Amino acid sequence: MARCQQILLGGILLLCVALPVVVAQERKHGPLTEGAIINLLQGGVAPQRVAALAQQYGVTFPMTPAVESDLRTAGADDALIQTLREIAPKPSFPRPAPQEPPTPRPAKPAVGQMWHSVGTLYDFRVTITSDLFHAERVHIPPEEAQQGAFIRTECRRRGSKWVGSTNAKMAFTVHKVRGGRETKFCQLTLQFEVDSVSPDKITGHSETPKKIDANKCRVSQMTWGDFTWVPIS
C-alpha cells in the first residue's frame, strides 16, 4: 500500500510541474520553443498532447539532428518527431549582407571540363557561364543507364555563389518481404549550392536523402552535407 501511495504521489508531482508549462504556453498563444517541449515531456505530458499543442501553436525551431536527439532523450516518440518535422521552420543558410562589398568572382574552370566527386566517386561534366552552373553525371553504369538513370544540376549565380537544385533518377536497393533484394529507381529533386570554384577544386553543400522508402520513392528525412569535386586530368 505504501508503495502505491509513493507512485501516486510521484505522478501528482509530475503533473504539478508539467501543467503550469502547458497553461503558460496556451495563455501566451505563441509558438513553442524547444525548451518548452522538452519541459513538457520531462514533466510527464504525453507525446500525443505535446503534438497537439505544437500543431495548435507552431514551433520556433528547425528540426536538426541534434534537436531530434534531445527531444527523443526527453521522451518524444516517432509520431511526435514526425509532427514536428512537418510543422517546424526549415533551416536556412545565411546570405551575404547587401551592404558588404562584393566578393571577387572566383576563377572558372574550362567549359565542359570533367570533375570527380570525392564523396560519391561520381564523375561530372561541368559547364559554367557568367550566371549559370551546370553539371551532369557521366560514366553511368550501363545497367543503370538503360533504366534512365541521371543526375543533373543547374544553379544560378547569387553573389559569389551558385544556388539551385539537382534533379536525379537514382538506383536504390529494396529488400523483399520474402528475402532477397531488387533495385528500384526513384526520381528526386535536391537543393544544391556551390560555394567556391577554382581551377583545382569545386566546393559546396547539398541535400542528401537520409531516410527514404524506396518502395514508394518517398523521402522522410533530408540532411545537408558538404561536397568537394576535383578536376579529372
Protein backbone atom coordinates (compact mmCIF):
# COMPACT_ATOMS: atom_id res chain seq x y z
CA MET A 1 0.00 0.00 0.00
CA ALA A 2 2.83 2.39 0.89
CA ARG A 3 4.47 1.69 -2.47
CA CYS A 4 1.26 2.55 -4.35
CA GLN A 5 0.94 5.80 -2.41
CA GLN A 6 4.51 6.75 -3.37
CA ILE A 7 3.81 6.06 -7.06
CA LEU A 8 0.58 8.09 -6.91
CA LEU A 9 2.35 10.97 -5.17
CA GLY A 10 5.11 10.91 -7.81
CA GLY A 11 2.54 11.13 -10.60
CA ILE A 12 0.83 14.08 -8.94
CA LEU A 13 4.14 15.90 -8.57
CA LEU A 14 4.94 15.38 -12.27
CA LEU A 15 1.58 16.85 -13.26
CA CYS A 16 2.15 19.79 -10.95
CA VAL A 17 5.37 20.52 -12.83
CA ALA A 18 4.01 19.98 -16.34
CA LEU A 19 0.58 21.62 -16.14
CA PRO A 20 1.85 25.16 -15.40
CA VAL A 21 4.04 24.92 -18.51
CA VAL A 22 1.07 23.89 -20.65
CA VAL A 23 -1.13 26.63 -19.19
CA ALA A 24 1.57 29.25 -19.71
CA GLN A 25 2.05 28.28 -23.35
CA GLU A 26 -1.71 28.25 -24.01
CA ARG A 27 -2.07 31.73 -22.45
CA LYS A 28 0.86 33.02 -24.43
CA HIS A 29 -0.64 31.82 -27.73
CA GLY A 30 2.82 31.81 -29.26
CA PRO A 31 4.88 29.10 -30.91
CA LEU A 32 6.56 26.55 -28.65
CA THR A 33 10.31 26.63 -28.12
CA GLU A 34 12.48 23.53 -28.00
CA GLY A 35 12.97 24.06 -24.26
CA ALA A 36 9.22 24.25 -23.65
CA ILE A 37 8.61 20.94 -25.43
CA ILE A 38 11.43 19.25 -23.50
CA ASN A 39 9.97 20.58 -20.23
CA LEU A 40 6.54 19.20 -21.14
CA LEU A 41 7.92 15.75 -21.95
CA GLN A 42 10.11 15.60 -18.86
CA GLY A 43 7.16 16.79 -16.80
CA GLY A 44 5.10 13.76 -17.82
CA VAL A 45 2.89 15.26 -20.54
CA ALA A 46 2.05 12.58 -23.13
CA PRO A 47 3.74 12.97 -26.55
CA GLN A 48 0.27 12.97 -28.18
CA ARG A 49 -0.70 16.04 -26.11
CA VAL A 50 2.59 17.76 -26.94
CA ALA A 51 1.99 17.08 -30.65
CA ALA A 52 -1.48 18.63 -30.40
CA LEU A 53 -0.06 21.75 -28.73
CA ALA A 54 2.67 22.03 -31.37
CA GLN A 55 0.10 21.77 -34.19
CA GLN A 56 -2.07 24.41 -32.49
CA TYR A 57 0.63 26.99 -31.76
CA GLY A 58 3.53 26.03 -34.02
CA VAL A 59 7.19 25.82 -33.04
CA THR A 60 10.12 28.25 -33.21
CA PHE A 61 12.97 25.85 -34.02
CA PRO A 62 14.08 23.81 -37.07
CA MET A 63 14.28 20.02 -36.69
CA THR A 64 18.01 19.40 -36.91
CA PRO A 65 19.55 16.01 -36.00
CA ALA A 66 20.82 17.49 -32.71
CA VAL A 67 17.36 18.80 -31.77
CA GLU A 68 15.74 15.46 -32.64
CA SER A 69 18.25 13.65 -30.42
CA ASP A 70 17.49 15.97 -27.48
CA LEU A 71 13.73 15.50 -27.92
CA ARG A 72 13.99 11.72 -28.07
CA THR A 73 16.10 11.75 -24.91
CA ALA A 74 13.35 13.77 -23.22
CA GLY A 75 10.71 11.17 -24.22
CA ALA A 76 9.49 12.11 -27.72
CA ASP A 77 8.15 9.19 -29.77
CA ASP A 78 8.20 8.70 -33.57
CA ALA A 79 4.74 10.24 -34.03
CA LEU A 80 5.71 13.45 -32.21
CA ILE A 81 9.01 13.70 -34.11
CA GLN A 82 7.17 13.33 -37.44
CA THR A 83 4.64 16.03 -36.44
CA LEU A 84 7.45 18.43 -35.52
CA ARG A 85 9.26 17.75 -38.82
CA GLU A 86 6.12 18.69 -40.74
CA ILE A 87 5.47 21.98 -38.93
CA ALA A 88 8.98 23.12 -37.98
CA PRO A 89 10.55 26.01 -39.91
CA LYS A 90 13.11 24.86 -42.45
CA PRO A 91 16.78 25.62 -41.76
CA SER A 92 18.21 28.39 -43.90
CA PHE A 93 21.73 29.31 -44.85
CA PRO A 94 22.91 32.87 -44.28
CA ARG A 95 23.22 35.07 -47.35
CA PRO A 96 25.82 37.83 -47.83
CA ALA A 97 24.50 41.14 -46.49
CA PRO A 98 23.68 43.64 -49.28
CA GLN A 99 25.85 46.32 -47.69
CA GLU A 100 29.00 44.19 -47.76
CA PRO A 101 31.47 44.88 -50.58
CA PRO A 102 31.11 42.44 -53.47
CA THR A 103 33.38 39.40 -53.36
CA PRO A 104 35.63 38.97 -56.40
CA ARG A 105 34.34 36.28 -58.72
CA PRO A 106 36.29 33.03 -58.46
CA ALA A 107 38.23 31.65 -61.36
CA LYS A 108 36.14 29.44 -63.65
CA PRO A 109 37.13 26.03 -64.99
CA ALA A 110 37.08 25.43 -68.70
CA VAL A 111 33.63 24.92 -70.24
CA GLY A 112 32.71 21.22 -70.30
CA GLN A 113 35.59 20.20 -68.03
CA MET A 114 35.36 16.82 -66.27
CA TRP A 115 35.26 16.75 -62.45
CA HIS A 116 35.33 13.91 -59.91
CA SER A 117 33.29 13.90 -56.67
CA VAL A 118 35.49 12.92 -53.73
CA GLY A 119 32.45 11.83 -51.69
CA THR A 120 30.24 9.91 -54.15
CA LEU A 121 33.04 8.94 -56.58
CA TYR A 122 30.82 10.05 -59.48
CA ASP A 123 32.22 11.93 -62.48
CA PHE A 124 30.55 15.10 -63.79
CA ARG A 125 30.82 17.28 -66.87
CA VAL A 126 30.65 20.88 -65.62
CA THR A 127 29.80 23.96 -67.68
CA ILE A 128 29.96 27.45 -66.19
CA THR A 129 28.89 30.70 -67.83
CA SER A 130 28.65 34.19 -66.34
CA ASP A 131 25.46 33.32 -64.44
CA LEU A 132 24.90 29.56 -64.81
CA PHE A 133 26.48 26.47 -63.24
CA HIS A 134 25.51 23.21 -64.95
CA ALA A 135 26.74 19.71 -64.08
CA GLU A 136 25.72 16.29 -65.38
CA ARG A 137 26.90 12.88 -64.25
CA VAL A 138 28.81 10.85 -66.85
CA HIS A 139 30.12 7.27 -66.94
CA ILE A 140 26.83 5.91 -65.57
CA PRO A 141 26.91 2.07 -65.38
CA PRO A 142 25.15 0.58 -68.44
CA GLU A 143 22.55 -1.33 -66.38
CA GLU A 144 21.53 1.94 -64.68
CA ALA A 145 21.68 3.98 -67.89
CA GLN A 146 19.25 1.53 -69.51
CA GLN A 147 16.75 2.38 -66.76
CA GLY A 148 17.13 6.09 -67.48
CA ALA A 149 19.34 6.96 -64.50
CA PHE A 150 20.72 10.51 -64.50
CA ILE A 151 21.94 13.30 -62.20
CA ARG A 152 21.69 16.89 -63.50
CA THR A 153 22.41 20.05 -61.53
CA GLU A 154 21.56 23.60 -62.55
CA CYS A 155 22.32 26.66 -60.41
CA ARG A 156 22.08 30.42 -60.94
CA ARG A 157 24.70 32.85 -59.67
CA ARG A 158 23.76 34.63 -56.46
CA GLY A 159 26.56 36.97 -55.40
CA SER A 160 29.73 34.89 -55.19
CA LYS A 161 27.80 31.58 -55.10
CA TRP A 162 25.59 29.48 -57.33
CA VAL A 163 22.23 28.36 -55.93
CA GLY A 164 19.86 25.86 -57.49
CA SER A 165 18.85 22.21 -57.44
CA THR A 166 19.73 18.73 -58.63
CA ASN A 167 17.25 16.55 -60.49
CA ALA A 168 18.14 12.88 -60.35
CA LYS A 169 16.85 9.42 -61.13
CA MET A 170 18.86 7.15 -58.86
CA ALA A 171 19.02 3.45 -58.02
CA PHE A 172 18.13 2.24 -54.50
CA THR A 173 18.28 -1.28 -53.08
CA VAL A 174 14.94 -2.64 -51.85
CA HIS A 175 14.70 -5.63 -49.50
CA LYS A 176 11.87 -8.00 -50.43
CA VAL A 177 9.44 -9.28 -47.81
CA ARG A 178 10.35 -12.92 -48.52
CA GLY A 179 14.05 -12.27 -48.72
CA GLY A 180 16.35 -11.14 -51.49
CA ARG A 181 16.88 -7.70 -52.96
CA GLU A 182 15.92 -5.72 -56.01
CA THR A 183 16.83 -2.33 -57.44
CA LYS A 184 14.27 0.47 -57.50
CA PHE A 185 14.77 3.76 -59.37
CA CYS A 186 13.42 6.93 -57.76
CA GLN A 187 13.33 10.46 -59.14
CA LEU A 188 14.34 13.16 -56.65
CA THR A 189 14.85 16.94 -56.52
CA LEU A 190 17.55 18.11 -54.10
CA GLN A 191 18.75 21.62 -53.19
CA PHE A 192 22.31 22.37 -54.28
CA GLU A 193 24.69 25.28 -53.59
CA VAL A 194 28.19 25.91 -54.94
CA ASP A 195 30.30 27.95 -52.52
CA SER A 196 33.56 28.27 -54.45
CA VAL A 197 35.09 27.40 -57.79
CA SER A 198 38.82 27.41 -58.55
CA PRO A 199 40.96 25.65 -61.17
CA ASP A 200 41.74 22.82 -58.72
CA LYS A 201 38.56 22.48 -56.62
CA ILE A 202 34.78 23.00 -56.53
CA THR A 203 33.17 23.06 -53.07
CA GLY A 204 29.65 23.48 -51.75
CA HIS A 205 26.84 21.70 -49.96
CA SER A 206 23.67 19.91 -51.00
CA GLU A 207 20.70 17.97 -49.73
CA THR A 208 21.03 14.19 -49.37
CA PRO A 209 18.26 11.69 -48.54
CA LYS A 210 18.88 10.40 -45.01
CA LYS A 211 15.79 8.21 -44.80
CA ILE A 212 13.91 7.05 -47.89
CA ASP A 213 11.18 4.48 -48.53
CA ALA A 214 12.46 3.25 -51.87
CA ASN A 215 9.32 1.18 -52.49
CA LYS A 216 7.27 4.38 -52.58
CA CYS A 217 10.15 6.70 -53.54
CA ARG A 218 9.23 8.80 -50.53
CA VAL A 219 11.89 10.73 -48.58
CA SER A 220 11.08 11.07 -44.88
CA GLN A 221 14.24 12.90 -43.85
CA MET A 222 16.81 15.06 -45.64
CA THR A 223 20.24 16.15 -44.46
CA TRP A 224 22.74 18.71 -45.76
CA GLY A 225 26.31 17.68 -46.49
CA ASP A 226 29.43 19.31 -47.90
CA PHE A 227 30.98 18.16 -51.17
CA THR A 228 34.30 18.58 -52.92
CA TRP A 229 34.97 17.98 -56.63
CA VAL A 230 38.43 17.83 -58.16
CA PRO A 231 39.34 18.12 -61.86
CA ILE A 232 40.00 15.00 -63.90
CA SER A 233 43.29 15.30 -65.75
